Structures are given as C-alpha cells and as structure tokens.
Amino acid sequence: MESLAKNLFTLRKREDISREAVSRVLEMSARSYERYEKNLRDPTAPVLVKLADFYGVTLDQLVGRAPLPPAEEER
C-alpha cells in the first residue's frame, strides 16, 4: 500500500515525532513501524485502526482512499 506508506510518513512529519516515539505509543517495535512507513510490510486491520486513531484520521484517509486533512499551517 504505497499510499499508506506515504501518508504515514506525511502524518508523522506533521506531528514532528520520531518513528521510535510513534512505535512506543502504539506498543509495537520501531522496526515494524519503519517497515509500514517504507512500504515493506502491510499492517493488519487492528494496527491500521490504531494508526488512524493515533493520527486522528479516518481509515480511508490513512490508506489513500480519501485526501488527508490539511495540515494546521495550511488552514
């Protein structure tokens, strides 16, 4: 899911947070999160829900079926 990987990167950068910090909050290994962000592995459905909740977006937005909400500075 290339759109997912791109959106994870974009959302993380918007939050100005490290991969390690995201992985700690979501209780997963930093390596697993990195693989999702680099499109090397697809997350399971429960992990997708955790990611969407963490970033405050819908599943459709997270996986690229709907546009991401604008960043704070774009509003």
C-alpha atoms as a PDB file:
ATOM      1  CA  MET A   1       0.000   0.000   0.000  1.00  0.00           C
ATOM      2  CA  GLU A   2       2.131   2.794  -1.292  1.00  0.00           C
ATOM      3  CA  SER A   3      -0.407   5.466  -0.324  1.00  0.00           C
ATOM      4  CA  LEU A   4      -0.420   4.199   3.246  1.00  0.00           C
ATOM      5  CA  ALA A   5       3.365   4.402   3.483  1.00  0.00           C
ATOM      6  CA  LYS A   6       3.391   7.936   2.069  1.00  0.00           C
ATOM      7  CA  ASN A   7       0.593   9.041   4.381  1.00  0.00           C
ATOM      8  CA  LEU A   8       2.273   7.568   7.468  1.00  0.00           C
ATOM      9  CA  PHE A   9       5.422   9.500   6.637  1.00  0.00           C
ATOM     10  CA  THR A  10       3.492  12.717   5.966  1.00  0.00           C
ATOM     11  CA  LEU A  11       1.432  12.467   9.143  1.00  0.00           C
ATOM     12  CA  ARG A  12       4.455  11.663  11.295  1.00  0.00           C
ATOM     13  CA  LYS A  13       6.393  14.621   9.908  1.00  0.00           C
ATOM     14  CA  ARG A  14       3.403  16.922  10.509  1.00  0.00           C
ATOM     15  CA  GLU A  15       3.425  15.857  14.147  1.00  0.00           C
ATOM     16  CA  ASP A  16       7.222  16.291  14.276  1.00  0.00           C
ATOM     17  CA  ILE A  17       7.585  12.951  16.028  1.00  0.00           C
ATOM     18  CA  SER A  18      10.124  10.169  15.579  1.00  0.00           C
ATOM     19  CA  ARG A  19       9.345   6.648  14.414  1.00  0.00           C
ATOM     20  CA  GLU A  20      10.519   5.409  17.782  1.00  0.00           C
ATOM     21  CA  ALA A  21       8.083   7.671  19.624  1.00  0.00           C
ATOM     22  CA  VAL A  22       5.156   6.528  17.461  1.00  0.00           C
ATOM     23  CA  SER A  23       6.073   2.890  17.935  1.00  0.00           C
ATOM     24  CA  ARG A  24       6.279   3.305  21.727  1.00  0.00           C
ATOM     25  CA  VAL A  25       2.829   4.894  21.907  1.00  0.00           C
ATOM     26  CA  LEU A  26       1.339   2.192  19.663  1.00  0.00           C
ATOM     27  CA  GLU A  27       3.188  -0.573  21.521  1.00  0.00           C
ATOM     28  CA  MET A  28       4.964  -2.015  18.504  1.00  0.00           C
ATOM     29  CA  SER A  29       8.595  -2.308  17.554  1.00  0.00           C
ATOM     30  CA  ALA A  30      10.210   0.654  15.842  1.00  0.00           C
ATOM     31  CA  ARG A  31      11.305  -1.744  13.102  1.00  0.00           C
ATOM     32  CA  SER A  32       7.687  -2.769  12.400  1.00  0.00           C
ATOM     33  CA  TYR A  33       6.588   0.848  12.135  1.00  0.00           C
ATOM     34  CA  GLU A  34       9.525   1.636   9.869  1.00  0.00           C
ATOM     35  CA  ARG A  35       8.532  -1.229   7.562  1.00  0.00           C
ATOM     36  CA  TYR A  36       4.983   0.142   7.297  1.00  0.00           C
ATOM     37  CA  GLU A  37       6.299   3.605   6.507  1.00  0.00           C
ATOM     38  CA  LYS A  38       8.752   2.306   3.903  1.00  0.00           C
ATOM     39  CA  ASN A  39       6.103   0.097   2.248  1.00  0.00           C
ATOM     40  CA  LEU A  40       7.990  -3.085   3.100  1.00  0.00           C
ATOM     41  CA  ARG A  41       5.115  -4.611   5.062  1.00  0.00           C
ATOM     42  CA  ASP A  42       1.349  -4.099   5.323  1.00  0.00           C
ATOM     43  CA  PRO A  43      -0.169  -3.675   8.783  1.00  0.00           C
ATOM     44  CA  THR A  44      -3.034  -5.836   9.999  1.00  0.00           C
ATOM     45  CA  ALA A  45      -6.526  -4.359  10.307  1.00  0.00           C
ATOM     46  CA  PRO A  46      -6.223  -3.774  14.085  1.00  0.00           C
ATOM     47  CA  VAL A  47      -2.918  -1.947  13.556  1.00  0.00           C
ATOM     48  CA  LEU A  48      -4.481   0.205  10.819  1.00  0.00           C
ATOM     49  CA  VAL A  49      -7.193   1.243  13.270  1.00  0.00           C
ATOM     50  CA  LYS A  50      -4.567   2.129  15.910  1.00  0.00           C
ATOM     51  CA  LEU A  51      -2.618   4.175  13.366  1.00  0.00           C
ATOM     52  CA  ALA A  52      -5.715   6.050  12.179  1.00  0.00           C
ATOM     53  CA  ASP A  53      -6.747   6.793  15.766  1.00  0.00           C
ATOM     54  CA  PHE A  54      -3.248   7.934  16.687  1.00  0.00           C
ATOM     55  CA  TYR A  55      -3.065  10.395  13.794  1.00  0.00           C
ATOM     56  CA  GLY A  56      -6.720  11.460  14.071  1.00  0.00           C
ATOM     57  CA  VAL A  57      -7.677  10.470  10.544  1.00  0.00           C
ATOM     58  CA  THR A  58     -10.154   8.033   9.037  1.00  0.00           C
ATOM     59  CA  LEU A  59      -9.087   4.681   7.670  1.00  0.00           C
ATOM     60  CA  ASP A  60      -9.942   5.913   4.170  1.00  0.00           C
ATOM     61  CA  GLN A  61      -7.655   8.911   4.639  1.00  0.00           C
ATOM     62  CA  LEU A  62      -4.888   6.764   6.071  1.00  0.00           C
ATOM     63  CA  VAL A  63      -4.849   4.310   3.163  1.00  0.00           C
ATOM     64  CA  GLY A  64      -5.281   6.961   0.470  1.00  0.00           C
ATOM     65  CA  ARG A  65      -8.933   6.437  -0.461  1.00  0.00           C
ATOM     66  CA  ALA A  66      -9.704   9.985   0.706  1.00  0.00           C
ATOM     67  CA  PRO A  67      -7.426  13.018   0.956  1.00  0.00           C
ATOM     68  CA  LEU A  68      -5.643  13.740   4.204  1.00  0.00           C
ATOM     69  CA  PRO A  69      -6.991  16.726   6.116  1.00  0.00           C
ATOM     70  CA  PRO A  70      -4.932  19.856   5.598  1.00  0.00           C
ATOM     71  CA  ALA A  71      -2.049  20.462   7.959  1.00  0.00           C
ATOM     72  CA  GLU A  72      -2.550  23.091  10.649  1.00  0.00           C
ATOM     73  CA  GLU A  73      -0.367  25.582   8.767  1.00  0.00           C
ATOM     74  CA  GLU A  74      -2.425  25.041   5.580  1.00  0.00           C
ATOM     75  CA  ARG A  75      -5.722  26.008   7.244  1.00  0.00           C
END
